Amino acid sequence: MEREPIEVRAPEGARLLEILWSDGESSLLPHRILRGYCPCAGCQGHSGPVRWVEGTDKLSDDALTLVDLAPSGQYALRMRWGDGHDTGIYAFDFLAELGDLFSLDREAQRARTFGR
C-alpha cells in the first residue's frame, strides 16, 4: 500500500504544516523547511537533486506565511507563500521525506538532498 495523506492541517498563522498519513504516521513540516526545499525550477533549476535554497533564512516572516494550500492532481500539494511565490508542486512522497527533517538540527536539515 502506498502512503497517502488522509488529513492536512495548516492553521492560519501557524508556522507548521501537519500531515496525517494513511499508515497512521504523521509528519510535521515547518514552513521554513518547506520553503527551503521548494522543488520548483526557479528555486532548483531543471536537473540534479533538490537542495536547500540559499537565502531562505533571510526571508521575512511574511514570505514564510503559507497563504494558500491546494491539491495538485492526486499526487501533490501546491503552496502559495506570503510573498506570492507559488510555483512549487510538493509530491506526497517528497513531503513524507521532508517530514524526516523535523527532528534534525538546522545544519543537518540544510545538508540533505532529495531526488526528483
PDB file of N, CA and C in Angstrom:
ATOM      1  N   MET A   1       0.838  -1.183   0.000  1.00  0.00           N
ATOM      2  CA  MET A   1       0.000   0.000   0.000  1.00  0.00           C
ATOM      3  C   MET A   1       0.883   1.247   0.000  1.00  0.00           C
ATOM      4  N   GLU A   2       0.595   2.176  -0.879  1.00  0.00           N
ATOM      5  CA  GLU A   2       1.328   3.425  -0.955  1.00  0.00           C
ATOM      6  C   GLU A   2       0.822   4.389   0.108  1.00  0.00           C
ATOM      7  N   ARG A   3       1.732   5.121   0.689  1.00  0.00           N
ATOM      8  CA  ARG A   3       1.389   6.092   1.728  1.00  0.00           C
ATOM      9  C   ARG A   3       0.685   7.299   1.099  1.00  0.00           C
ATOM     10  N   GLU A   4      -0.480   7.640   1.649  1.00  0.00           N
ATOM     11  CA  GLU A   4      -1.250   8.776   1.153  1.00  0.00           C
ATOM     12  C   GLU A   4      -1.674   9.642   2.328  1.00  0.00           C
ATOM     13  N   PRO A   5      -1.792  10.956   2.116  1.00  0.00           N
ATOM     14  CA  PRO A   5      -2.273  11.807   3.206  1.00  0.00           C
ATOM     15  C   PRO A   5      -3.774  11.620   3.391  1.00  0.00           C
ATOM     16  N   ILE A   6      -4.187  11.552   4.648  1.00  0.00           N
ATOM     17  CA  ILE A   6      -5.619  11.482   4.925  1.00  0.00           C
ATOM     18  C   ILE A   6      -6.126  12.788   5.529  1.00  0.00           C
ATOM     19  N   GLU A   7      -5.196  13.601   6.046  1.00  0.00           N
ATOM     20  CA  GLU A   7      -5.564  14.915   6.562  1.00  0.00           C
ATOM     21  C   GLU A   7      -4.341  15.822   6.517  1.00  0.00           C
ATOM     22  N   VAL A   8      -4.576  17.061   6.131  1.00  0.00           N
ATOM     23  CA  VAL A   8      -3.523  18.072   6.120  1.00  0.00           C
ATOM     24  C   VAL A   8      -4.009  19.219   6.989  1.00  0.00           C
ATOM     25  N   ARG A   9      -3.186  19.576   7.964  1.00  0.00           N
ATOM     26  CA  ARG A   9      -3.540  20.666   8.874  1.00  0.00           C
ATOM     27  C   ARG A   9      -2.559  21.817   8.657  1.00  0.00           C
ATOM     28  N   ALA A  10      -3.105  22.967   8.347  1.00  0.00           N
ATOM     29  CA  ALA A  10      -2.295  24.167   8.124  1.00  0.00           C
ATOM     30  C   ALA A  10      -3.029  25.353   8.747  1.00  0.00           C
ATOM     31  N   PRO A  11      -3.015  25.431  10.076  1.00  0.00           N
ATOM     32  CA  PRO A  11      -3.761  26.508  10.728  1.00  0.00           C
ATOM     33  C   PRO A  11      -3.259  27.890  10.320  1.00  0.00           C
ATOM     34  N   GLU A  12      -4.183  28.802  10.120  1.00  0.00           N
ATOM     35  CA  GLU A  12      -3.822  30.174   9.764  1.00  0.00           C
ATOM     36  C   GLU A  12      -2.956  30.764  10.871  1.00  0.00           C
ATOM     37  N   GLY A  13      -1.861  31.373  10.484  1.00  0.00           N
ATOM     38  CA  GLY A  13      -0.951  31.987  11.437  1.00  0.00           C
ATOM     39  C   GLY A  13       0.105  31.049  11.996  1.00  0.00           C
ATOM     40  N   ALA A  14      -0.064  29.765  11.792  1.00  0.00           N
ATOM     41  CA  ALA A  14       0.915  28.793  12.280  1.00  0.00           C
ATOM     42  C   ALA A  14       2.135  28.791  11.371  1.00  0.00           C
ATOM     43  N   ARG A  15       3.211  28.241  11.838  1.00  0.00           N
ATOM     44  CA  ARG A  15       4.438  28.113  11.051  1.00  0.00           C
ATOM     45  C   ARG A  15       4.796  26.638  10.836  1.00  0.00           C
ATOM     46  N   LEU A  16       3.753  25.796  10.936  1.00  0.00           N
ATOM     47  CA  LEU A  16       3.961  24.361  10.868  1.00  0.00           C
ATOM     48  C   LEU A  16       2.787  23.720  10.133  1.00  0.00           C
ATOM     49  N   LEU A  17       3.094  22.866   9.174  1.00  0.00           N
ATOM     50  CA  LEU A  17       2.095  22.093   8.451  1.00  0.00           C
ATOM     51  C   LEU A  17       2.159  20.671   9.007  1.00  0.00           C
ATOM     52  N   GLU A  18       1.022  20.062   9.243  1.00  0.00           N
ATOM     53  CA  GLU A  18       0.992  18.685   9.735  1.00  0.00           C
ATOM     54  C   GLU A  18       0.220  17.826   8.746  1.00  0.00           C
ATOM     55  N   ILE A  19       0.792  16.671   8.422  1.00  0.00           N
ATOM     56  CA  ILE A  19       0.134  15.724   7.530  1.00  0.00           C
ATOM     57  C   ILE A  19      -0.056  14.414   8.279  1.00  0.00           C
ATOM     58  N   LEU A  20      -1.280  13.922   8.295  1.00  0.00           N
ATOM     59  CA  LEU A  20      -1.577  12.601   8.846  1.00  0.00           C
ATOM     60  C   LEU A  20      -1.655  11.649   7.660  1.00  0.00           C
ATOM     61  N   TRP A  21      -0.879  10.570   7.742  1.00  0.00           N
ATOM     62  CA  TRP A  21      -0.752   9.625   6.624  1.00  0.00           C
ATOM     63  C   TRP A  21      -1.630   8.402   6.813  1.00  0.00           C
ATOM     64  N   SER A  22      -1.912   7.717   5.721  1.00  0.00           N
ATOM     65  CA  SER A  22      -2.772   6.525   5.719  1.00  0.00           C
ATOM     66  C   SER A  22      -2.202   5.377   6.538  1.00  0.00           C
ATOM     67  N   ASP A  23      -0.899   5.388   6.812  1.00  0.00           N
ATOM     68  CA  ASP A  23      -0.300   4.324   7.623  1.00  0.00           C
ATOM     69  C   ASP A  23      -0.317   4.649   9.111  1.00  0.00           C
ATOM     70  N   GLY A  24      -0.981   5.750   9.490  1.00  0.00           N
ATOM     71  CA  GLY A  24      -1.090   6.130  10.889  1.00  0.00           C
ATOM     72  C   GLY A  24       0.026   7.055  11.370  1.00  0.00           C
ATOM     73  N   GLU A  25       1.034   7.266  10.578  1.00  0.00           N
ATOM     74  CA  GLU A  25       2.134   8.163  10.934  1.00  0.00           C
ATOM     75  C   GLU A  25       1.732   9.603  10.631  1.00  0.00           C
ATOM     76  N   SER A  26       2.509  10.535  11.162  1.00  0.00           N
ATOM     77  CA  SER A  26       2.282  11.944  10.840  1.00  0.00           C
ATOM     78  C   SER A  26       3.623  12.619  10.555  1.00  0.00           C
ATOM     79  N   SER A  27       3.566  13.703   9.819  1.00  0.00           N
ATOM     80  CA  SER A  27       4.747  14.496   9.511  1.00  0.00           C
ATOM     81  C   SER A  27       4.498  15.922   9.962  1.00  0.00           C
ATOM     82  N   LEU A  28       5.508  16.513  10.615  1.00  0.00           N
ATOM     83  CA  LEU A  28       5.473  17.916  10.980  1.00  0.00           C
ATOM     84  C   LEU A  28       6.457  18.638  10.087  1.00  0.00           C
ATOM     85  N   LEU A  29       5.968  19.648   9.384  1.00  0.00           N
ATOM     86  CA  LEU A  29       6.767  20.343   8.385  1.00  0.00           C
ATOM     87  C   LEU A  29       6.775  21.843   8.655  1.00  0.00           C
ATOM     88  N   PRO A  30       7.844  22.347   9.264  1.00  0.00           N
ATOM     89  CA  PRO A  30       7.941  23.797   9.446  1.00  0.00           C
ATOM     90  C   PRO A  30       7.943  24.502   8.095  1.00  0.00           C
ATOM     91  N   HIS A  31       7.307  25.647   8.034  1.00  0.00           N
ATOM     92  CA  HIS A  31       7.250  26.397   6.782  1.00  0.00           C
ATOM     93  C   HIS A  31       8.651  26.708   6.260  1.00  0.00           C
ATOM     94  N   ARG A  32       9.608  26.965   7.148  1.00  0.00           N
ATOM     95  CA  ARG A  32      10.974  27.248   6.734  1.00  0.00           C
ATOM     96  C   ARG A  32      11.556  26.084   5.943  1.00  0.00           C
ATOM     97  N   ILE A  33      11.290  24.860   6.367  1.00  0.00           N
ATOM     98  CA  ILE A  33      11.784  23.681   5.642  1.00  0.00           C
ATOM     99  C   ILE A  33      11.067  23.550   4.299  1.00  0.00           C
ATOM    100  N   LEU A  34       9.757  23.724   4.298  1.00  0.00           N
ATOM    101  CA  LEU A  34       9.010  23.629   3.038  1.00  0.00           C
ATOM    102  C   LEU A  34       9.527  24.639   2.022  1.00  0.00           C
ATOM    103  N   ARG A  35       9.709  25.868   2.450  1.00  0.00           N
ATOM    104  CA  ARG A  35      10.183  26.906   1.532  1.00  0.00           C
ATOM    105  C   ARG A  35      11.654  26.678   1.181  1.00  0.00           C
ATOM    106  N   GLY A  36      12.434  26.218   2.145  1.00  0.00           N
ATOM    107  CA  GLY A  36      13.858  25.978   1.903  1.00  0.00           C
ATOM    108  C   GLY A  36      14.130  24.873   0.904  1.00  0.00           C
ATOM    109  N   TYR A  37      13.201  23.958   0.770  1.00  0.00           N
ATOM    110  CA  TYR A  37      13.332  22.866  -0.195  1.00  0.00           C
ATOM    111  C   TYR A  37      12.284  22.977  -1.300  1.00  0.00           C
ATOM    112  N   CYS A  38      11.880  24.206  -1.613  1.00  0.00           N
ATOM    113  CA  CYS A  38      10.906  24.394  -2.687  1.00  0.00           C
ATOM    114  C   CYS A  38      11.394  23.668  -3.941  1.00  0.00           C
ATOM    115  N   PRO A  39      10.573  22.772  -4.498  1.00  0.00           N
ATOM    116  CA  PRO A  39      11.016  21.959  -5.629  1.00  0.00           C
ATOM    117  C   PRO A  39      10.859  22.614  -7.002  1.00  0.00           C
ATOM    118  N   CYS A  40      10.419  23.861  -7.063  1.00  0.00           N
ATOM    119  CA  CYS A  40      10.169  24.463  -8.382  1.00  0.00           C
ATOM    120  C   CYS A  40      11.471  24.695  -9.147  1.00  0.00           C
ATOM    121  N   ALA A  41      11.354  24.805 -10.455  1.00  0.00           N
ATOM    122  CA  ALA A  41      12.531  25.007 -11.312  1.00  0.00           C
ATOM    123  C   ALA A  41      13.215  26.333 -11.028  1.00  0.00           C
ATOM    124  N   GLY A  42      12.460  27.356 -10.627  1.00  0.00           N
ATOM    125  CA  GLY A  42      13.065  28.640 -10.295  1.00  0.00           C
ATOM    126  C   GLY A  42      13.992  28.549  -9.098  1.00  0.00           C
ATOM    127  N   CYS A  43      13.649  27.706  -8.145  1.00  0.00           N
ATOM    128  CA  CYS A  43      14.478  27.529  -6.950  1.00  0.00           C
ATOM    129  C   CYS A  43      15.550  26.461  -7.139  1.00  0.00           C
ATOM    130  N   GLN A  44      15.262  25.422  -7.918  1.00  0.00           N
ATOM    131  CA  GLN A  44      16.142  24.255  -8.011  1.00  0.00           C
ATOM    132  C   GLN A  44      16.827  24.082  -9.358  1.00  0.00           C
ATOM    133  N   GLY A  45      16.433  24.836 -10.354  1.00  0.00           N
ATOM    134  CA  GLY A  45      16.944  24.580 -11.689  1.00  0.00           C
ATOM    135  C   GLY A  45      16.174  23.424 -12.307  1.00  0.00           C
ATOM    136  N   HIS A  46      16.679  22.909 -13.416  1.00  0.00           N
ATOM    137  CA  HIS A  46      15.940  21.886 -14.161  1.00  0.00           C
ATOM    138  C   HIS A  46      16.517  20.482 -14.028  1.00  0.00           C
ATOM    139  N   SER A  47      17.610  20.334 -13.290  1.00  0.00           N
ATOM    140  CA  SER A  47      18.188  18.998 -13.129  1.00  0.00           C
ATOM    141  C   SER A  47      18.929  18.910 -11.808  1.00  0.00           C
ATOM    142  N   GLY A  48      19.325  17.709 -11.471  1.00  0.00           N
ATOM    143  CA  GLY A  48      20.051  17.481 -10.232  1.00  0.00           C
ATOM    144  C   GLY A  48      19.109  17.312  -9.055  1.00  0.00           C
ATOM    145  N   PRO A  49      19.689  17.040  -7.895  1.00  0.00           N
ATOM    146  CA  PRO A  49      18.862  16.815  -6.711  1.00  0.00           C
ATOM    147  C   PRO A  49      18.244  18.107  -6.192  1.00  0.00           C
ATOM    148  N   VAL A  50      17.209  17.966  -5.388  1.00  0.00           N
ATOM    149  CA  VAL A  50      16.602  19.097  -4.706  1.00  0.00           C
ATOM    150  C   VAL A  50      17.466  19.399  -3.486  1.00  0.00           C
ATOM    151  N   ARG A  51      17.934  20.644  -3.400  1.00  0.00           N
ATOM    152  CA  ARG A  51      18.816  21.090  -2.317  1.00  0.00           C
ATOM    153  C   ARG A  51      18.178  22.264  -1.571  1.00  0.00           C
ATOM    154  N   TRP A  52      18.755  22.570  -0.416  1.00  0.00           N
ATOM    155  CA  TRP A  52      18.344  23.729   0.365  1.00  0.00           C
ATOM    156  C   TRP A  52      18.553  24.989  -0.468  1.00  0.00           C
ATOM    157  N   VAL A  53      17.556  25.858  -0.515  1.00  0.00           N
ATOM    158  CA  VAL A  53      17.631  27.101  -1.276  1.00  0.00           C
ATOM    159  C   VAL A  53      18.338  28.150  -0.420  1.00  0.00           C
ATOM    160  N   GLU A  54      19.529  28.538  -0.845  1.00  0.00           N
ATOM    161  CA  GLU A  54      20.274  29.564  -0.120  1.00  0.00           C
ATOM    162  C   GLU A  54      19.439  30.841  -0.043  1.00  0.00           C
ATOM    163  N   GLY A  55      19.512  31.513   1.079  1.00  0.00           N
ATOM    164  CA  GLY A  55      18.761  32.740   1.282  1.00  0.00           C
ATOM    165  C   GLY A  55      17.422  32.538   1.967  1.00  0.00           C
ATOM    166  N   THR A  56      17.003  31.291   2.135  1.00  0.00           N
ATOM    167  CA  THR A  56      15.714  31.030   2.783  1.00  0.00           C
ATOM    168  C   THR A  56      15.672  31.625   4.186  1.00  0.00           C
ATOM    169  N   ASP A  57      16.760  31.506   4.926  1.00  0.00           N
ATOM    170  CA  ASP A  57      16.772  32.007   6.307  1.00  0.00           C
ATOM    171  C   ASP A  57      16.692  33.527   6.374  1.00  0.00           C
ATOM    172  N   LYS A  58      16.901  34.210   5.266  1.00  0.00           N
ATOM    173  CA  LYS A  58      16.815  35.672   5.242  1.00  0.00           C
ATOM    174  C   LYS A  58      15.431  36.168   4.829  1.00  0.00           C
ATOM    175  N   LEU A  59      14.530  35.233   4.482  1.00  0.00           N
ATOM    176  CA  LEU A  59      13.181  35.621   4.080  1.00  0.00           C
ATOM    177  C   LEU A  59      12.412  36.174   5.280  1.00  0.00           C
ATOM    178  N   SER A  60      11.540  37.122   5.012  1.00  0.00           N
ATOM    179  CA  SER A  60      10.723  37.723   6.071  1.00  0.00           C
ATOM    180  C   SER A  60       9.691  36.721   6.584  1.00  0.00           C
ATOM    181  N   ASP A  61       9.132  37.033   7.742  1.00  0.00           N
ATOM    182  CA  ASP A  61       8.049  36.204   8.276  1.00  0.00           C
ATOM    183  C   ASP A  61       6.881  36.139   7.303  1.00  0.00           C
ATOM    184  N   ASP A  62       6.600  37.269   6.633  1.00  0.00           N
ATOM    185  CA  ASP A  62       5.507  37.283   5.658  1.00  0.00           C
ATOM    186  C   ASP A  62       5.775  36.307   4.510  1.00  0.00           C
ATOM    187  N   ALA A  63       7.013  36.239   4.046  1.00  0.00           N
ATOM    188  CA  ALA A  63       7.363  35.341   2.942  1.00  0.00           C
ATOM    189  C   ALA A  63       7.199  33.878   3.346  1.00  0.00           C
ATOM    190  N   LEU A  64       7.346  33.579   4.636  1.00  0.00           N
ATOM    191  CA  LEU A  64       7.215  32.204   5.129  1.00  0.00           C
ATOM    192  C   LEU A  64       5.793  31.888   5.604  1.00  0.00           C
ATOM    193  N   THR A  65       4.874  32.799   5.342  1.00  0.00           N
ATOM    194  CA  THR A  65       3.479  32.562   5.681  1.00  0.00           C
ATOM    195  C   THR A  65       2.815  31.807   4.544  1.00  0.00           C
ATOM    196  N   LEU A  66       2.229  30.678   4.864  1.00  0.00           N
ATOM    197  CA  LEU A  66       1.510  29.878   3.874  1.00  0.00           C
ATOM    198  C   LEU A  66       0.114  30.472   3.727  1.00  0.00           C
ATOM    199  N   VAL A  67      -0.153  31.067   2.568  1.00  0.00           N
ATOM    200  CA  VAL A  67      -1.436  31.751   2.377  1.00  0.00           C
ATOM    201  C   VAL A  67      -2.444  30.923   1.594  1.00  0.00           C
ATOM    202  N   ASP A  68      -1.980  29.886   0.894  1.00  0.00           N
ATOM    203  CA  ASP A  68      -2.907  29.013   0.186  1.00  0.00           C
ATOM    204  C   ASP A  68      -2.278  27.642   0.021  1.00  0.00           C
ATOM    205  N   LEU A  69      -3.101  26.645   0.129  1.00  0.00           N
ATOM    206  CA  LEU A  69      -2.685  25.255   0.002  1.00  0.00           C
ATOM    207  C   LEU A  69      -3.761  24.552  -0.801  1.00  0.00           C
ATOM    208  N   ALA A  70      -3.368  23.909  -1.902  1.00  0.00           N
ATOM    209  CA  ALA A  70      -4.359  23.275  -2.765  1.00  0.00           C
ATOM    210  C   ALA A  70      -3.800  21.976  -3.336  1.00  0.00           C
ATOM    211  N   PRO A  71      -4.667  21.001  -3.599  1.00  0.00           N
ATOM    212  CA  PRO A  71      -4.188  19.782  -4.250  1.00  0.00           C
ATOM    213  C   PRO A  71      -3.723  20.070  -5.669  1.00  0.00           C
ATOM    214  N   SER A  72      -2.769  19.283  -6.105  1.00  0.00           N
ATOM    215  CA  SER A  72      -2.304  19.318  -7.486  1.00  0.00           C
ATOM    216  C   SER A  72      -2.431  17.894  -8.002  1.00  0.00           C
ATOM    217  N   GLY A  73      -3.513  17.627  -8.682  1.00  0.00           N
ATOM    218  CA  GLY A  73      -3.800  16.259  -9.097  1.00  0.00           C
ATOM    219  C   GLY A  73      -4.053  15.386  -7.877  1.00  0.00           C
ATOM    220  N   GLN A  74      -3.739  14.109  -8.009  1.00  0.00           N
ATOM    221  CA  GLN A  74      -3.932  13.149  -6.924  1.00  0.00           C
ATOM    222  C   GLN A  74      -2.629  12.806  -6.212  1.00  0.00           C
ATOM    223  N   TYR A  75      -1.567  13.592  -6.482  1.00  0.00           N
ATOM    224  CA  TYR A  75      -0.246  13.181  -6.007  1.00  0.00           C
ATOM    225  C   TYR A  75       0.538  14.258  -5.270  1.00  0.00           C
ATOM    226  N   ALA A  76       0.007  15.481  -5.179  1.00  0.00           N
ATOM    227  CA  ALA A  76       0.837  16.563  -4.652  1.00  0.00           C
ATOM    228  C   ALA A  76      -0.009  17.702  -4.098  1.00  0.00           C
ATOM    229  N   LEU A  77       0.699  18.634  -3.438  1.00  0.00           N
ATOM    230  CA  LEU A  77       0.103  19.874  -2.962  1.00  0.00           C
ATOM    231  C   LEU A  77       0.837  21.051  -3.595  1.00  0.00           C
ATOM    232  N   ARG A  78       0.094  22.087  -3.877  1.00  0.00           N
ATOM    233  CA  ARG A  78       0.665  23.347  -4.371  1.00  0.00           C
ATOM    234  C   ARG A  78       0.521  24.354  -3.237  1.00  0.00           C
ATOM    235  N   MET A  79       1.590  25.104  -2.990  1.00  0.00           N
ATOM    236  CA  MET A  79       1.598  26.074  -1.900  1.00  0.00           C
ATOM    237  C   MET A  79       1.861  27.475  -2.440  1.00  0.00           C
ATOM    238  N   ARG A  80       1.134  28.430  -1.872  1.00  0.00           N
ATOM    239  CA  ARG A  80       1.403  29.829  -2.203  1.00  0.00           C
ATOM    240  C   ARG A  80       1.836  30.519  -0.918  1.00  0.00           C
ATOM    241  N   TRP A  81       2.954  31.222  -1.007  1.00  0.00           N
ATOM    242  CA  TRP A  81       3.578  31.861   0.139  1.00  0.00           C
ATOM    243  C   TRP A  81       3.216  33.341   0.186  1.00  0.00           C
ATOM    244  N   GLY A  82       3.443  33.952   1.327  1.00  0.00           N
ATOM    245  CA  GLY A  82       3.079  35.338   1.568  1.00  0.00           C
ATOM    246  C   GLY A  82       3.697  36.339   0.622  1.00  0.00           C
ATOM    247  N   ASP A  83       4.822  36.001   0.008  1.00  0.00           N
ATOM    248  CA  ASP A  83       5.453  36.909  -0.947  1.00  0.00           C
ATOM    249  C   ASP A  83       5.022  36.624  -2.388  1.00  0.00           C
ATOM    250  N   GLY A  84       4.025  35.744  -2.555  1.00  0.00           N
ATOM    251  CA  GLY A  84       3.498  35.439  -3.879  1.00  0.00           C
ATOM    252  C   GLY A  84       4.122  34.237  -4.559  1.00  0.00           C
ATOM    253  N   HIS A  85       5.215  33.706  -4.014  1.00  0.00           N
ATOM    254  CA  HIS A  85       5.855  32.537  -4.635  1.00  0.00           C
ATOM    255  C   HIS A  85       4.879  31.363  -4.582  1.00  0.00           C
ATOM    256  N   ASP A  86       4.619  30.744  -5.755  1.00  0.00           N
ATOM    257  CA  ASP A  86       3.616  29.670  -5.783  1.00  0.00           C
ATOM    258  C   ASP A  86       3.866  28.622  -6.857  1.00  0.00           C
ATOM    259  N   THR A  87       5.091  28.469  -7.304  1.00  0.00           N
ATOM    260  CA  THR A  87       5.352  27.542  -8.403  1.00  0.00           C
ATOM    261  C   THR A  87       5.814  26.154  -7.947  1.00  0.00           C
ATOM    262  N   GLY A  88       5.985  25.958  -6.658  1.00  0.00           N
ATOM    263  CA  GLY A  88       6.416  24.653  -6.165  1.00  0.00           C
ATOM    264  C   GLY A  88       5.266  23.668  -6.071  1.00  0.00           C
ATOM    265  N   ILE A  89       5.446  22.496  -6.636  1.00  0.00           N
ATOM    266  CA  ILE A  89       4.487  21.403  -6.502  1.00  0.00           C
ATOM    267  C   ILE A  89       5.173  20.326  -5.665  1.00  0.00           C
ATOM    268  N   TYR A  90       4.632  20.069  -4.492  1.00  0.00           N
ATOM    269  CA  TYR A  90       5.235  19.183  -3.500  1.00  0.00           C
ATOM    270  C   TYR A  90       4.553  17.820  -3.561  1.00  0.00           C
ATOM    271  N   ALA A  91       5.200  16.849  -4.190  1.00  0.00           N
ATOM    272  CA  ALA A  91       4.651  15.490  -4.274  1.00  0.00           C
ATOM    273  C   ALA A  91       4.539  14.909  -2.863  1.00  0.00           C
ATOM    274  N   PHE A  92       3.537  14.069  -2.652  1.00  0.00           N
ATOM    275  CA  PHE A  92       3.325  13.486  -1.337  1.00  0.00           C
ATOM    276  C   PHE A  92       4.551  12.722  -0.842  1.00  0.00           C
ATOM    277  N   ASP A  93       5.214  11.968  -1.726  1.00  0.00           N
ATOM    278  CA  ASP A  93       6.391  11.224  -1.270  1.00  0.00           C
ATOM    279  C   ASP A  93       7.510  12.168  -0.857  1.00  0.00           C
ATOM    280  N   PHE A  94       7.635  13.312  -1.527  1.00  0.00           N
ATOM    281  CA  PHE A  94       8.625  14.318  -1.159  1.00  0.00           C
ATOM    282  C   PHE A  94       8.276  14.927   0.197  1.00  0.00           C
ATOM    283  N   LEU A  95       7.005  15.227   0.431  1.00  0.00           N
ATOM    284  CA  LEU A  95       6.578  15.761   1.721  1.00  0.00           C
ATOM    285  C   LEU A  95       6.875  14.782   2.855  1.00  0.00           C
ATOM    286  N   ALA A  96       6.670  13.494   2.600  1.00  0.00           N
ATOM    287  CA  ALA A  96       6.979  12.482   3.621  1.00  0.00           C
ATOM    288  C   ALA A  96       8.477  12.483   3.931  1.00  0.00           C
ATOM    289  N   GLU A  97       9.310  12.613   2.904  1.00  0.00           N
ATOM    290  CA  GLU A  97      10.762  12.680   3.126  1.00  0.00           C
ATOM    291  C   GLU A  97      11.136  13.941   3.901  1.00  0.00           C
ATOM    292  N   LEU A  98      10.524  15.069   3.565  1.00  0.00           N
ATOM    293  CA  LEU A  98      10.800  16.312   4.292  1.00  0.00           C
ATOM    294  C   LEU A  98      10.417  16.193   5.764  1.00  0.00           C
ATOM    295  N   GLY A  99       9.387  15.419   6.048  1.00  0.00           N
ATOM    296  CA  GLY A  99       8.960  15.217   7.433  1.00  0.00           C
ATOM    297  C   GLY A  99      10.038  14.596   8.293  1.00  0.00           C
ATOM    298  N   ASP A 100      10.951  13.860   7.682  1.00  0.00           N
ATOM    299  CA  ASP A 100      12.052  13.240   8.424  1.00  0.00           C
ATOM    300  C   ASP A 100      13.052  14.271   8.948  1.00  0.00           C
ATOM    301  N   LEU A 101      13.001  15.491   8.444  1.00  0.00           N
ATOM    302  CA  LEU A 101      13.950  16.523   8.846  1.00  0.00           C
ATOM    303  C   LEU A 101      13.587  17.195  10.165  1.00  0.00           C
ATOM    304  N   PHE A 102      12.357  17.052  10.601  1.00  0.00           N
ATOM    305  CA  PHE A 102      11.857  17.792  11.757  1.00  0.00           C
ATOM    306  C   PHE A 102      12.738  17.624  12.993  1.00  0.00           C
ATOM    307  N   SER A 103      13.210  16.435  13.250  1.00  0.00           N
ATOM    308  CA  SER A 103      13.970  16.163  14.473  1.00  0.00           C
ATOM    309  C   SER A 103      15.461  16.486  14.360  1.00  0.00           C
ATOM    310  N   LEU A 104      15.916  16.906  13.192  1.00  0.00           N
ATOM    311  CA  LEU A 104      17.328  17.214  12.987  1.00  0.00           C
ATOM    312  C   LEU A 104      17.627  18.667  13.331  1.00  0.00           C
ATOM    313  N   ASP A 105      18.903  18.962  13.652  1.00  0.00           N
ATOM    314  CA  ASP A 105      19.275  20.356  13.877  1.00  0.00           C
ATOM    315  C   ASP A 105      19.327  21.083  12.538  1.00  0.00           C
ATOM    316  N   ARG A 106      19.386  22.408  12.587  1.00  0.00           N
ATOM    317  CA  ARG A 106      19.289  23.210  11.357  1.00  0.00           C
ATOM    318  C   ARG A 106      20.387  22.893  10.351  1.00  0.00           C
ATOM    319  N   GLU A 107      21.582  22.685  10.823  1.00  0.00           N
ATOM    320  CA  GLU A 107      22.676  22.369   9.890  1.00  0.00           C
ATOM    321  C   GLU A 107      22.406  21.064   9.155  1.00  0.00           C
ATOM    322  N   ALA A 108      21.952  20.048   9.865  1.00  0.00           N
ATOM    323  CA  ALA A 108      21.644  18.763   9.240  1.00  0.00           C
ATOM    324  C   ALA A 108      20.440  18.895   8.296  1.00  0.00           C
ATOM    325  N   GLN A 109      19.467  19.721   8.677  1.00  0.00           N
ATOM    326  CA  GLN A 109      18.313  19.939   7.807  1.00  0.00           C
ATOM    327  C   GLN A 109      18.736  20.518   6.463  1.00  0.00           C
ATOM    328  N   ARG A 110      19.638  21.461   6.491  1.00  0.00           N
ATOM    329  CA  ARG A 110      20.084  22.137   5.262  1.00  0.00           C
ATOM    330  C   ARG A 110      21.007  21.280   4.418  1.00  0.00           C
ATOM    331  N   ALA A 111      21.623  20.276   4.995  1.00  0.00           N
ATOM    332  CA  ALA A 111      22.628  19.474   4.282  1.00  0.00           C
ATOM    333  C   ALA A 111      22.018  18.380   3.417  1.00  0.00           C
ATOM    334  N   ARG A 112      20.751  18.051   3.616  1.00  0.00           N
ATOM    335  CA  ARG A 112      20.115  16.958   2.869  1.00  0.00           C
ATOM    336  C   ARG A 112      19.890  17.323   1.412  1.00  0.00           C
ATOM    337  N   THR A 113      19.860  16.306   0.586  1.00  0.00           N
ATOM    338  CA  THR A 113      19.443  16.445  -0.803  1.00  0.00           C
ATOM    339  C   THR A 113      18.404  15.376  -1.080  1.00  0.00           C
ATOM    340  N   PHE A 114      17.555  15.621  -2.057  1.00  0.00           N
ATOM    341  CA  PHE A 114      16.468  14.714  -2.388  1.00  0.00           C
ATOM    342  C   PHE A 114      16.416  14.514  -3.892  1.00  0.00           C
ATOM    343  N   GLY A 115      16.073  13.304  -4.306  1.00  0.00           N
ATOM    344  CA  GLY A 115      15.895  13.012  -5.724  1.00  0.00           C
ATOM    345  C   GLY A 115      14.632  13.684  -6.244  1.00  0.00           C
ATOM    346  N   ARG A 116      14.559  13.772  -7.551  1.00  0.00           N
ATOM    347  CA  ARG A 116      13.368  14.382  -8.163  1.00  0.00           C
ATOM    348  C   ARG A 116      12.401  13.317  -8.600  1.00  0.00           C
TER     349      ARG A 116
END
